[in-house]
């Protein structure tokens, strides 16, 4: 049991690295101007959702309140991103931009 918890924590650490790189790249590209919307944005919601679930699960397994708070912050960000991507997808479907390259 402890070995699987340690392995899960190690894999979660790679998720922290992924999140840091994703945020750093997002900030870098946002500095150059607004990002054009594409359906590929949905791929990020899956990754963020999986990392959020992993964070909340580890918080409960290790009984770590700080990690629980971090998971709640991630969940709030995930819901906000879902709303943003859904709105952009619907807007793109309405005006036809979502199908153009």
PDB file of N, CA and C in Angstrom:
ATOM      1  N   UNK A   1       0.819  -1.188   0.000  1.00  0.00           N
ATOM      2  CA  UNK A   1       0.000   0.000   0.000  1.00  0.00           C
ATOM      3  C   UNK A   1       0.863   1.251   0.000  1.00  0.00           C
ATOM      4  N   UNK A   2       1.856   1.281   0.852  1.00  0.00           N
ATOM      5  CA  UNK A   2       2.718   2.457   0.934  1.00  0.00           C
ATOM      6  C   UNK A   2       3.527   2.614  -0.359  1.00  0.00           C
ATOM      7  N   UNK A   3       3.931   1.507  -0.953  1.00  0.00           N
ATOM      8  CA  UNK A   3       4.700   1.587  -2.191  1.00  0.00           C
ATOM      9  C   UNK A   3       3.865   2.219  -3.294  1.00  0.00           C
ATOM     10  N   UNK A   4       2.603   1.834  -3.389  1.00  0.00           N
ATOM     11  CA  UNK A   4       1.752   2.431  -4.417  1.00  0.00           C
ATOM     12  C   UNK A   4       1.504   3.911  -4.134  1.00  0.00           C
ATOM     13  N   UNK A   5       1.404   4.299  -2.870  1.00  0.00           N
ATOM     14  CA  UNK A   5       1.237   5.709  -2.514  1.00  0.00           C
ATOM     15  C   UNK A   5       2.483   6.513  -2.893  1.00  0.00           C
ATOM     16  N   UNK A   6       3.645   5.934  -2.652  1.00  0.00           N
ATOM     17  CA  UNK A   6       4.890   6.619  -3.019  1.00  0.00           C
ATOM     18  C   UNK A   6       5.025   6.728  -4.541  1.00  0.00           C
ATOM     19  N   UNK A   7       4.654   5.665  -5.249  1.00  0.00           N
ATOM     20  CA  UNK A   7       4.715   5.705  -6.716  1.00  0.00           C
ATOM     21  C   UNK A   7       3.743   6.745  -7.252  1.00  0.00           C
ATOM     22  N   UNK A   8       2.538   6.798  -6.702  1.00  0.00           N
ATOM     23  CA  UNK A   8       1.546   7.787  -7.139  1.00  0.00           C
ATOM     24  C   UNK A   8       2.040   9.200  -6.857  1.00  0.00           C
ATOM     25  N   UNK A   9       2.692   9.389  -5.737  1.00  0.00           N
ATOM     26  CA  UNK A   9       3.231  10.712  -5.400  1.00  0.00           C
ATOM     27  C   UNK A   9       4.349  11.096  -6.363  1.00  0.00           C
ATOM     28  N   UNK A  10       5.169  10.132  -6.739  1.00  0.00           N
ATOM     29  CA  UNK A  10       6.220  10.406  -7.726  1.00  0.00           C
ATOM     30  C   UNK A  10       5.647  10.803  -9.070  1.00  0.00           C
ATOM     31  N   UNK A  11       4.622  10.087  -9.514  1.00  0.00           N
ATOM     32  CA  UNK A  11       3.965  10.444 -10.775  1.00  0.00           C
ATOM     33  C   UNK A  11       3.275  11.800 -10.672  1.00  0.00           C
ATOM     34  N   UNK A  12       2.708  12.090  -9.510  1.00  0.00           N
ATOM     35  CA  UNK A  12       2.081  13.390  -9.300  1.00  0.00           C
ATOM     36  C   UNK A  12       3.133  14.499  -9.411  1.00  0.00           C
ATOM     37  N   UNK A  13       4.345  14.212  -8.970  1.00  0.00           N
ATOM     38  CA  UNK A  13       5.432  15.183  -9.097  1.00  0.00           C
ATOM     39  C   UNK A  13       5.708  15.538 -10.550  1.00  0.00           C
ATOM     40  N   UNK A  14       5.622  14.559 -11.448  1.00  0.00           N
ATOM     41  CA  UNK A  14       5.747  14.869 -12.871  1.00  0.00           C
ATOM     42  C   UNK A  14       4.604  15.763 -13.332  1.00  0.00           C
ATOM     43  N   UNK A  15       3.427  15.573 -12.742  1.00  0.00           N
ATOM     44  CA  UNK A  15       2.293  16.441 -13.047  1.00  0.00           C
ATOM     45  C   UNK A  15       2.542  17.879 -12.612  1.00  0.00           C
ATOM     46  N   UNK A  16       3.190  18.046 -11.484  1.00  0.00           N
ATOM     47  CA  UNK A  16       3.546  19.400 -11.023  1.00  0.00           C
ATOM     48  C   UNK A  16       4.488  20.047 -12.031  1.00  0.00           C
ATOM     49  N   UNK A  17       5.446  19.257 -12.518  1.00  0.00           N
ATOM     50  CA  UNK A  17       6.378  19.775 -13.527  1.00  0.00           C
ATOM     51  C   UNK A  17       5.619  20.163 -14.790  1.00  0.00           C
ATOM     52  N   UNK A  18       4.690  19.311 -15.236  1.00  0.00           N
ATOM     53  CA  UNK A  18       3.887  19.606 -16.423  1.00  0.00           C
ATOM     54  C   UNK A  18       3.101  20.895 -16.232  1.00  0.00           C
ATOM     55  N   UNK A  19       2.482  21.053 -15.070  1.00  0.00           N
ATOM     56  CA  UNK A  19       1.694  22.245 -14.807  1.00  0.00           C
ATOM     57  C   UNK A  19       2.562  23.496 -14.824  1.00  0.00           C
ATOM     58  N   UNK A  20       3.743  23.421 -14.232  1.00  0.00           N
ATOM     59  CA  UNK A  20       4.648  24.575 -14.220  1.00  0.00           C
ATOM     60  C   UNK A  20       5.073  24.952 -15.640  1.00  0.00           C
ATOM     61  N   UNK A  21       5.416  23.966 -16.456  1.00  0.00           N
ATOM     62  CA  UNK A  21       5.817  24.238 -17.835  1.00  0.00           C
ATOM     63  C   UNK A  21       4.638  24.800 -18.630  1.00  0.00           C
ATOM     64  N   UNK A  22       3.451  24.226 -18.455  1.00  0.00           N
ATOM     65  CA  UNK A  22       2.271  24.696 -19.181  1.00  0.00           C
ATOM     66  C   UNK A  22       1.944  26.144 -18.821  1.00  0.00           C
ATOM     67  N   UNK A  23       2.012  26.478 -17.542  1.00  0.00           N
ATOM     68  CA  UNK A  23       1.726  27.859 -17.119  1.00  0.00           C
ATOM     69  C   UNK A  23       2.793  28.803 -17.634  1.00  0.00           C
ATOM     70  N   UNK A  24       4.057  28.400 -17.564  1.00  0.00           N
ATOM     71  CA  UNK A  24       5.142  29.257 -18.066  1.00  0.00           C
ATOM     72  C   UNK A  24       4.989  29.526 -19.566  1.00  0.00           C
ATOM     73  N   UNK A  25       4.669  28.496 -20.330  1.00  0.00           N
ATOM     74  CA  UNK A  25       4.468  28.683 -21.772  1.00  0.00           C
ATOM     75  C   UNK A  25       3.244  29.538 -22.069  1.00  0.00           C
ATOM     76  N   UNK A  26       2.178  29.332 -21.300  1.00  0.00           N
ATOM     77  CA  UNK A  26       0.971  30.130 -21.487  1.00  0.00           C
ATOM     78  C   UNK A  26       1.254  31.612 -21.240  1.00  0.00           C
ATOM     79  N   UNK A  27       1.969  31.909 -20.169  1.00  0.00           N
ATOM     80  CA  UNK A  27       2.315  33.299 -19.864  1.00  0.00           C
ATOM     81  C   UNK A  27       3.191  33.879 -20.966  1.00  0.00           C
ATOM     82  N   UNK A  28       4.140  33.099 -21.442  1.00  0.00           N
ATOM     83  CA  UNK A  28       5.035  33.568 -22.514  1.00  0.00           C
ATOM     84  C   UNK A  28       4.243  33.936 -23.770  1.00  0.00           C
ATOM     85  N   UNK A  29       3.323  33.054 -24.162  1.00  0.00           N
ATOM     86  CA  UNK A  29       2.560  33.310 -25.382  1.00  0.00           C
ATOM     87  C   UNK A  29       1.514  34.406 -25.196  1.00  0.00           C
ATOM     88  N   UNK A  30       0.975  34.546 -24.005  1.00  0.00           N
ATOM     89  CA  UNK A  30       0.008  35.612 -23.757  1.00  0.00           C
ATOM     90  C   UNK A  30       0.661  36.987 -23.812  1.00  0.00           C
ATOM     91  N   UNK A  31       1.947  37.051 -23.521  1.00  0.00           N
ATOM     92  CA  UNK A  31       2.661  38.334 -23.598  1.00  0.00           C
ATOM     93  C   UNK A  31       2.771  38.843 -25.028  1.00  0.00           C
ATOM     94  N   UNK A  32       2.716  37.941 -25.996  1.00  0.00           N
ATOM     95  CA  UNK A  32       2.822  38.356 -27.402  1.00  0.00           C
ATOM     96  C   UNK A  32       1.475  38.763 -27.983  1.00  0.00           C
ATOM     97  N   UNK A  33       0.400  38.515 -27.251  1.00  0.00           N
ATOM     98  CA  UNK A  33      -0.925  38.877 -27.728  1.00  0.00           C
ATOM     99  C   UNK A  33      -1.909  37.772 -27.412  1.00  0.00           C
ATOM    100  N   UNK A  34      -3.157  37.970 -27.777  1.00  0.00           N
ATOM    101  CA  UNK A  34      -4.160  36.938 -27.467  1.00  0.00           C
ATOM    102  C   UNK A  34      -3.919  35.656 -28.264  1.00  0.00           C
ATOM    103  N   UNK A  35      -4.229  34.537 -27.638  1.00  0.00           N
ATOM    104  CA  UNK A  35      -4.078  33.250 -28.310  1.00  0.00           C
ATOM    105  C   UNK A  35      -5.316  32.961 -29.148  1.00  0.00           C
ATOM    106  N   UNK A  36      -5.130  32.552 -30.392  1.00  0.00           N
ATOM    107  CA  UNK A  36      -6.305  32.191 -31.201  1.00  0.00           C
ATOM    108  C   UNK A  36      -6.903  30.878 -30.678  1.00  0.00           C
ATOM    109  N   UNK A  37      -8.213  30.806 -30.678  1.00  0.00           N
ATOM    110  CA  UNK A  37      -8.870  29.602 -30.179  1.00  0.00           C
ATOM    111  C   UNK A  37      -8.830  28.492 -31.217  1.00  0.00           C
ATOM    112  N   UNK A  38      -8.633  27.281 -30.738  1.00  0.00           N
ATOM    113  CA  UNK A  38      -8.697  26.088 -31.569  1.00  0.00           C
ATOM    114  C   UNK A  38      -9.286  24.956 -30.745  1.00  0.00           C
ATOM    115  N   UNK A  39      -9.806  23.950 -31.414  1.00  0.00           N
ATOM    116  CA  UNK A  39     -10.406  22.830 -30.694  1.00  0.00           C
ATOM    117  C   UNK A  39      -9.380  22.073 -29.844  1.00  0.00           C
ATOM    118  N   UNK A  40      -8.115  22.275 -30.110  1.00  0.00           N
ATOM    119  CA  UNK A  40      -7.058  21.657 -29.312  1.00  0.00           C
ATOM    120  C   UNK A  40      -7.049  22.106 -27.860  1.00  0.00           C
ATOM    121  N   UNK A  41      -7.711  23.210 -27.580  1.00  0.00           N
ATOM    122  CA  UNK A  41      -7.802  23.674 -26.192  1.00  0.00           C
ATOM    123  C   UNK A  41      -8.487  22.638 -25.308  1.00  0.00           C
ATOM    124  N   UNK A  42      -9.364  21.814 -25.903  1.00  0.00           N
ATOM    125  CA  UNK A  42     -10.044  20.783 -25.124  1.00  0.00           C
ATOM    126  C   UNK A  42      -9.055  19.769 -24.561  1.00  0.00           C
ATOM    127  N   UNK A  43      -7.935  19.547 -25.237  1.00  0.00           N
ATOM    128  CA  UNK A  43      -6.932  18.598 -24.749  1.00  0.00           C
ATOM    129  C   UNK A  43      -6.364  19.046 -23.411  1.00  0.00           C
ATOM    130  N   UNK A  44      -6.245  20.338 -23.225  1.00  0.00           N
ATOM    131  CA  UNK A  44      -5.724  20.853 -21.961  1.00  0.00           C
ATOM    132  C   UNK A  44      -6.701  20.611 -20.812  1.00  0.00           C
ATOM    133  N   UNK A  45      -8.005  20.640 -21.102  1.00  0.00           N
ATOM    134  CA  UNK A  45      -8.979  20.401 -20.025  1.00  0.00           C
ATOM    135  C   UNK A  45      -8.847  18.970 -19.486  1.00  0.00           C
ATOM    136  N   UNK A  46      -8.561  18.013 -20.358  1.00  0.00           N
ATOM    137  CA  UNK A  46      -8.389  16.640 -19.890  1.00  0.00           C
ATOM    138  C   UNK A  46      -7.178  16.525 -18.974  1.00  0.00           C
ATOM    139  N   UNK A  47      -6.065  17.092 -19.387  1.00  0.00           N
ATOM    140  CA  UNK A  47      -4.840  17.016 -18.584  1.00  0.00           C
ATOM    141  C   UNK A  47      -5.026  17.697 -17.231  1.00  0.00           C
ATOM    142  N   UNK A  48      -5.611  18.865 -17.256  1.00  0.00           N
ATOM    143  CA  UNK A  48      -5.848  19.592 -16.007  1.00  0.00           C
ATOM    144  C   UNK A  48      -6.836  18.845 -15.119  1.00  0.00           C
ATOM    145  N   UNK A  49      -7.847  18.238 -15.722  1.00  0.00           N
ATOM    146  CA  UNK A  49      -8.811  17.462 -14.949  1.00  0.00           C
ATOM    147  C   UNK A  49      -8.175  16.243 -14.297  1.00  0.00           C
ATOM    148  N   UNK A  50      -7.343  15.532 -15.033  1.00  0.00           N
ATOM    149  CA  UNK A  50      -6.660  14.356 -14.474  1.00  0.00           C
ATOM    150  C   UNK A  50      -5.724  14.757 -13.338  1.00  0.00           C
ATOM    151  N   UNK A  51      -5.008  15.855 -13.511  1.00  0.00           N
ATOM    152  CA  UNK A  51      -4.097  16.316 -12.461  1.00  0.00           C
ATOM    153  C   UNK A  51      -4.883  16.764 -11.227  1.00  0.00           C
ATOM    154  N   UNK A  52      -6.027  17.393 -11.429  1.00  0.00           N
ATOM    155  CA  UNK A  52      -6.853  17.831 -10.309  1.00  0.00           C
ATOM    156  C   UNK A  52      -7.359  16.636  -9.505  1.00  0.00           C
ATOM    157  N   UNK A  53      -7.846  15.615 -10.201  1.00  0.00           N
ATOM    158  CA  UNK A  53      -8.327  14.409  -9.514  1.00  0.00           C
ATOM    159  C   UNK A  53      -7.180  13.731  -8.764  1.00  0.00           C
ATOM    160  N   UNK A  54      -6.022  13.649  -9.383  1.00  0.00           N
ATOM    161  CA  UNK A  54      -4.865  13.038  -8.721  1.00  0.00           C
ATOM    162  C   UNK A  54      -4.470  13.830  -7.473  1.00  0.00           C
ATOM    163  N   UNK A  55      -4.512  15.142  -7.566  1.00  0.00           N
ATOM    164  CA  UNK A  55      -4.151  15.981  -6.420  1.00  0.00           C
ATOM    165  C   UNK A  55      -5.117  15.769  -5.262  1.00  0.00           C
ATOM    166  N   UNK A  56      -6.407  15.779  -5.553  1.00  0.00           N
ATOM    167  CA  UNK A  56      -7.401  15.589  -4.490  1.00  0.00           C
ATOM    168  C   UNK A  56      -7.326  14.183  -3.891  1.00  0.00           C
ATOM    169  N   UNK A  57      -7.046  13.191  -4.725  1.00  0.00           N
ATOM    170  CA  UNK A  57      -6.913  11.826  -4.225  1.00  0.00           C
ATOM    171  C   UNK A  57      -5.700  11.700  -3.308  1.00  0.00           C
ATOM    172  N   UNK A  58      -4.569  12.248  -3.727  1.00  0.00           N
ATOM    173  CA  UNK A  58      -3.374  12.196  -2.874  1.00  0.00           C
ATOM    174  C   UNK A  58      -3.568  12.987  -1.592  1.00  0.00           C
ATOM    175  N   UNK A  59      -4.285  14.091  -1.653  1.00  0.00           N
ATOM    176  CA  UNK A  59      -4.538  14.889  -0.454  1.00  0.00           C
ATOM    177  C   UNK A  59      -5.303  14.071   0.580  1.00  0.00           C
ATOM    178  N   UNK A  60      -6.238  13.268   0.103  1.00  0.00           N
ATOM    179  CA  UNK A  60      -7.029  12.446   1.029  1.00  0.00           C
ATOM    180  C   UNK A  60      -6.234  11.245   1.530  1.00  0.00           C
ATOM    181  N   UNK A  61      -5.423  10.655   0.657  1.00  0.00           N
ATOM    182  CA  UNK A  61      -4.621   9.493   1.065  1.00  0.00           C
ATOM    183  C   UNK A  61      -3.565   9.904   2.089  1.00  0.00           C
ATOM    184  N   UNK A  62      -2.873  10.998   1.834  1.00  0.00           N
ATOM    185  CA  UNK A  62      -1.821  11.467   2.736  1.00  0.00           C
ATOM    186  C   UNK A  62      -2.371  12.344   3.863  1.00  0.00           C
ATOM    187  N   UNK A  63      -3.670  12.672   3.792  1.00  0.00           N
ATOM    188  CA  UNK A  63      -4.322  13.514   4.800  1.00  0.00           C
ATOM    189  C   UNK A  63      -3.576  14.831   4.972  1.00  0.00           C
ATOM    190  N   UNK A  64      -3.412  15.523   3.844  1.00  0.00           N
ATOM    191  CA  UNK A  64      -2.666  16.775   3.815  1.00  0.00           C
ATOM    192  C   UNK A  64      -3.614  17.921   3.459  1.00  0.00           C
ATOM    193  N   UNK A  65      -3.956  18.766   4.441  1.00  0.00           N
ATOM    194  CA  UNK A  65      -4.885  19.867   4.168  1.00  0.00           C
ATOM    195  C   UNK A  65      -4.375  20.857   3.118  1.00  0.00           C
ATOM    196  N   UNK A  66      -3.086  21.123   3.098  1.00  0.00           N
ATOM    197  CA  UNK A  66      -2.540  22.074   2.110  1.00  0.00           C
ATOM    198  C   UNK A  66      -2.735  21.540   0.693  1.00  0.00           C
ATOM    199  N   UNK A  67      -2.568  20.263   0.520  1.00  0.00           N
ATOM    200  CA  UNK A  67      -2.767  19.656  -0.796  1.00  0.00           C
ATOM    201  C   UNK A  67      -4.255  19.660  -1.168  1.00  0.00           C
ATOM    202  N   UNK A  68      -5.103  19.532  -0.167  1.00  0.00           N
ATOM    203  CA  UNK A  68      -6.553  19.621  -0.397  1.00  0.00           C
ATOM    204  C   UNK A  68      -6.924  21.021  -0.890  1.00  0.00           C
ATOM    205  N   UNK A  69      -6.320  22.039  -0.309  1.00  0.00           N
ATOM    206  CA  UNK A  69      -6.576  23.418  -0.742  1.00  0.00           C
ATOM    207  C   UNK A  69      -6.050  23.619  -2.163  1.00  0.00           C
ATOM    208  N   UNK A  70      -4.871  23.099  -2.462  1.00  0.00           N
ATOM    209  CA  UNK A  70      -4.310  23.192  -3.808  1.00  0.00           C
ATOM    210  C   UNK A  70      -5.236  22.506  -4.808  1.00  0.00           C
ATOM    211  N   UNK A  71      -5.782  21.361  -4.425  1.00  0.00           N
ATOM    212  CA  UNK A  71      -6.727  20.659  -5.291  1.00  0.00           C
ATOM    213  C   UNK A  71      -7.998  21.464  -5.517  1.00  0.00           C
ATOM    214  N   UNK A  72      -8.463  22.148  -4.490  1.00  0.00           N
ATOM    215  CA  UNK A  72      -9.656  22.990  -4.632  1.00  0.00           C
ATOM    216  C   UNK A  72      -9.388  24.160  -5.570  1.00  0.00           C
ATOM    217  N   UNK A  73      -8.186  24.732  -5.485  1.00  0.00           N
ATOM    218  CA  UNK A  73      -7.804  25.824  -6.392  1.00  0.00           C
ATOM    219  C   UNK A  73      -7.731  25.301  -7.825  1.00  0.00           C
ATOM    220  N   UNK A  74      -7.150  24.129  -8.002  1.00  0.00           N
ATOM    221  CA  UNK A  74      -7.085  23.519  -9.334  1.00  0.00           C
ATOM    222  C   UNK A  74      -8.485  23.252  -9.878  1.00  0.00           C
ATOM    223  N   UNK A  75      -9.382  22.770  -9.021  1.00  0.00           N
ATOM    224  CA  UNK A  75     -10.745  22.487  -9.455  1.00  0.00           C
ATOM    225  C   UNK A  75     -11.455  23.764  -9.898  1.00  0.00           C
ATOM    226  N   UNK A  76     -11.264  24.830  -9.149  1.00  0.00           N
ATOM    227  CA  UNK A  76     -11.867  26.111  -9.515  1.00  0.00           C
ATOM    228  C   UNK A  76     -11.322  26.586 -10.865  1.00  0.00           C
ATOM    229  N   UNK A  77     -10.017  26.460 -11.058  1.00  0.00           N
ATOM    230  CA  UNK A  77      -9.417  26.823 -12.346  1.00  0.00           C
ATOM    231  C   UNK A  77      -9.915  25.946 -13.479  1.00  0.00           C
ATOM    232  N   UNK A  78     -10.112  24.660 -13.193  1.00  0.00           N
ATOM    233  CA  UNK A  78     -10.611  23.733 -14.203  1.00  0.00           C
ATOM    234  C   UNK A  78     -12.025  24.110 -14.642  1.00  0.00           C
ATOM    235  N   UNK A  79     -12.889  24.414 -13.689  1.00  0.00           N
ATOM    236  CA  UNK A  79     -14.259  24.798 -14.029  1.00  0.00           C
ATOM    237  C   UNK A  79     -14.250  26.093 -14.845  1.00  0.00           C
ATOM    238  N   UNK A  80     -13.421  27.052 -14.450  1.00  0.00           N
ATOM    239  CA  UNK A  80     -13.330  28.308 -15.206  1.00  0.00           C
ATOM    240  C   UNK A  80     -12.838  28.054 -16.625  1.00  0.00           C
ATOM    241  N   UNK A  81     -11.867  27.161 -16.770  1.00  0.00           N
ATOM    242  CA  UNK A  81     -11.340  26.857 -18.098  1.00  0.00           C
ATOM    243  C   UNK A  81     -12.373  26.117 -18.942  1.00  0.00           C
ATOM    244  N   UNK A  82     -13.136  25.214 -18.323  1.00  0.00           N
ATOM    245  CA  UNK A  82     -14.219  24.536 -19.045  1.00  0.00           C
ATOM    246  C   UNK A  82     -15.212  25.548 -19.595  1.00  0.00           C
ATOM    247  N   UNK A  83     -15.573  26.511 -18.763  1.00  0.00           N
ATOM    248  CA  UNK A  83     -16.525  27.537 -19.198  1.00  0.00           C
ATOM    249  C   UNK A  83     -15.951  28.339 -20.362  1.00  0.00           C
ATOM    250  N   UNK A  84     -14.686  28.729 -20.249  1.00  0.00           N
ATOM    251  CA  UNK A  84     -14.027  29.497 -21.304  1.00  0.00           C
ATOM    252  C   UNK A  84     -13.975  28.713 -22.619  1.00  0.00           C
ATOM    253  N   UNK A  85     -13.555  27.465 -22.550  1.00  0.00           N
ATOM    254  CA  UNK A  85     -13.420  26.653 -23.765  1.00  0.00           C
ATOM    255  C   UNK A  85     -14.791  26.337 -24.361  1.00  0.00           C
ATOM    256  N   UNK A  86     -15.766  26.068 -23.517  1.00  0.00           N
ATOM    257  CA  UNK A  86     -17.123  25.814 -24.021  1.00  0.00           C
ATOM    258  C   UNK A  86     -17.673  27.047 -24.730  1.00  0.00           C
ATOM    259  N   UNK A  87     -17.513  28.217 -24.117  1.00  0.00           N
ATOM    260  CA  UNK A  87     -18.006  29.455 -24.728  1.00  0.00           C
ATOM    261  C   UNK A  87     -17.313  29.711 -26.061  1.00  0.00           C
ATOM    262  N   UNK A  88     -16.005  29.528 -26.118  1.00  0.00           N
ATOM    263  CA  UNK A  88     -15.271  29.733 -27.376  1.00  0.00           C
ATOM    264  C   UNK A  88     -15.666  28.707 -28.435  1.00  0.00           C
ATOM    265  N   UNK A  89     -15.924  27.478 -28.008  1.00  0.00           N
ATOM    266  CA  UNK A  89     -16.348  26.453 -28.962  1.00  0.00           C
ATOM    267  C   UNK A  89     -17.715  26.798 -29.547  1.00  0.00           C
ATOM    268  N   UNK A  90     -18.645  27.187 -28.692  1.00  0.00           N
ATOM    269  CA  UNK A  90     -19.977  27.553 -29.176  1.00  0.00           C
ATOM    270  C   UNK A  90     -19.924  28.769 -30.091  1.00  0.00           C
ATOM    271  N   UNK A  91     -19.112  29.749 -29.724  1.00  0.00           N
ATOM    272  CA  UNK A  91     -18.950  30.938 -30.570  1.00  0.00           C
ATOM    273  C   UNK A  91     -18.342  30.554 -31.920  1.00  0.00           C
ATOM    274  N   UNK A  92     -17.331  29.682 -31.887  1.00  0.00           N
ATOM    275  CA  UNK A  92     -16.703  29.234 -33.124  1.00  0.00           C
ATOM    276  C   UNK A  92     -17.626  28.413 -34.004  1.00  0.00           C
ATOM    277  N   UNK A  93     -18.487  27.612 -33.380  1.00  0.00           N
ATOM    278  CA  UNK A  93     -19.466  26.847 -34.156  1.00  0.00           C
ATOM    279  C   UNK A  93     -20.493  27.769 -34.803  1.00  0.00           C
ATOM    280  N   UNK A  94     -20.883  28.797 -34.060  1.00  0.00           N
ATOM    281  CA  UNK A  94     -21.895  29.719 -34.577  1.00  0.00           C
ATOM    282  C   UNK A  94     -21.387  30.499 -35.783  1.00  0.00           C
ATOM    283  N   UNK A  95     -20.142  30.975 -35.711  1.00  0.00           N
ATOM    284  CA  UNK A  95     -19.625  31.791 -36.822  1.00  0.00           C
ATOM    285  C   UNK A  95     -18.779  30.984 -37.811  1.00  0.00           C
ATOM    286  N   UNK A  96     -18.578  29.695 -37.581  1.00  0.00           N
ATOM    287  CA  UNK A  96     -17.857  28.851 -38.514  1.00  0.00           C
ATOM    288  C   UNK A  96     -16.347  28.884 -38.378  1.00  0.00           C
ATOM    289  N   UNK A  97     -15.810  29.687 -37.473  1.00  0.00           N
ATOM    290  CA  UNK A  97     -14.353  29.810 -37.306  1.00  0.00           C
ATOM    291  C   UNK A  97     -13.703  28.547 -36.764  1.00  0.00           C
ATOM    292  N   UNK A  98     -14.463  27.742 -36.066  1.00  0.00           N
ATOM    293  CA  UNK A  98     -13.885  26.568 -35.437  1.00  0.00           C
ATOM    294  C   UNK A  98     -13.404  25.540 -36.461  1.00  0.00           C
ATOM    295  N   UNK A  99     -13.966  25.577 -37.663  1.00  0.00           N
ATOM    296  CA  UNK A  99     -13.588  24.605 -38.695  1.00  0.00           C
ATOM    297  C   UNK A  99     -12.483  25.105 -39.606  1.00  0.00           C
ATOM    298  N   UNK A 100     -12.081  26.378 -39.474  1.00  0.00           N
ATOM    299  CA  UNK A 100     -11.018  26.930 -40.315  1.00  0.00           C
ATOM    300  C   UNK A 100      -9.671  26.746 -39.645  1.00  0.00           C
ATOM    301  N   UNK A 101      -8.655  26.692 -40.449  1.00  0.00           N
ATOM    302  CA  UNK A 101      -7.298  26.529 -39.912  1.00  0.00           C
ATOM    303  C   UNK A 101      -6.696  27.831 -39.584  1.00  0.00           C
TER     304      UNK A 101
END
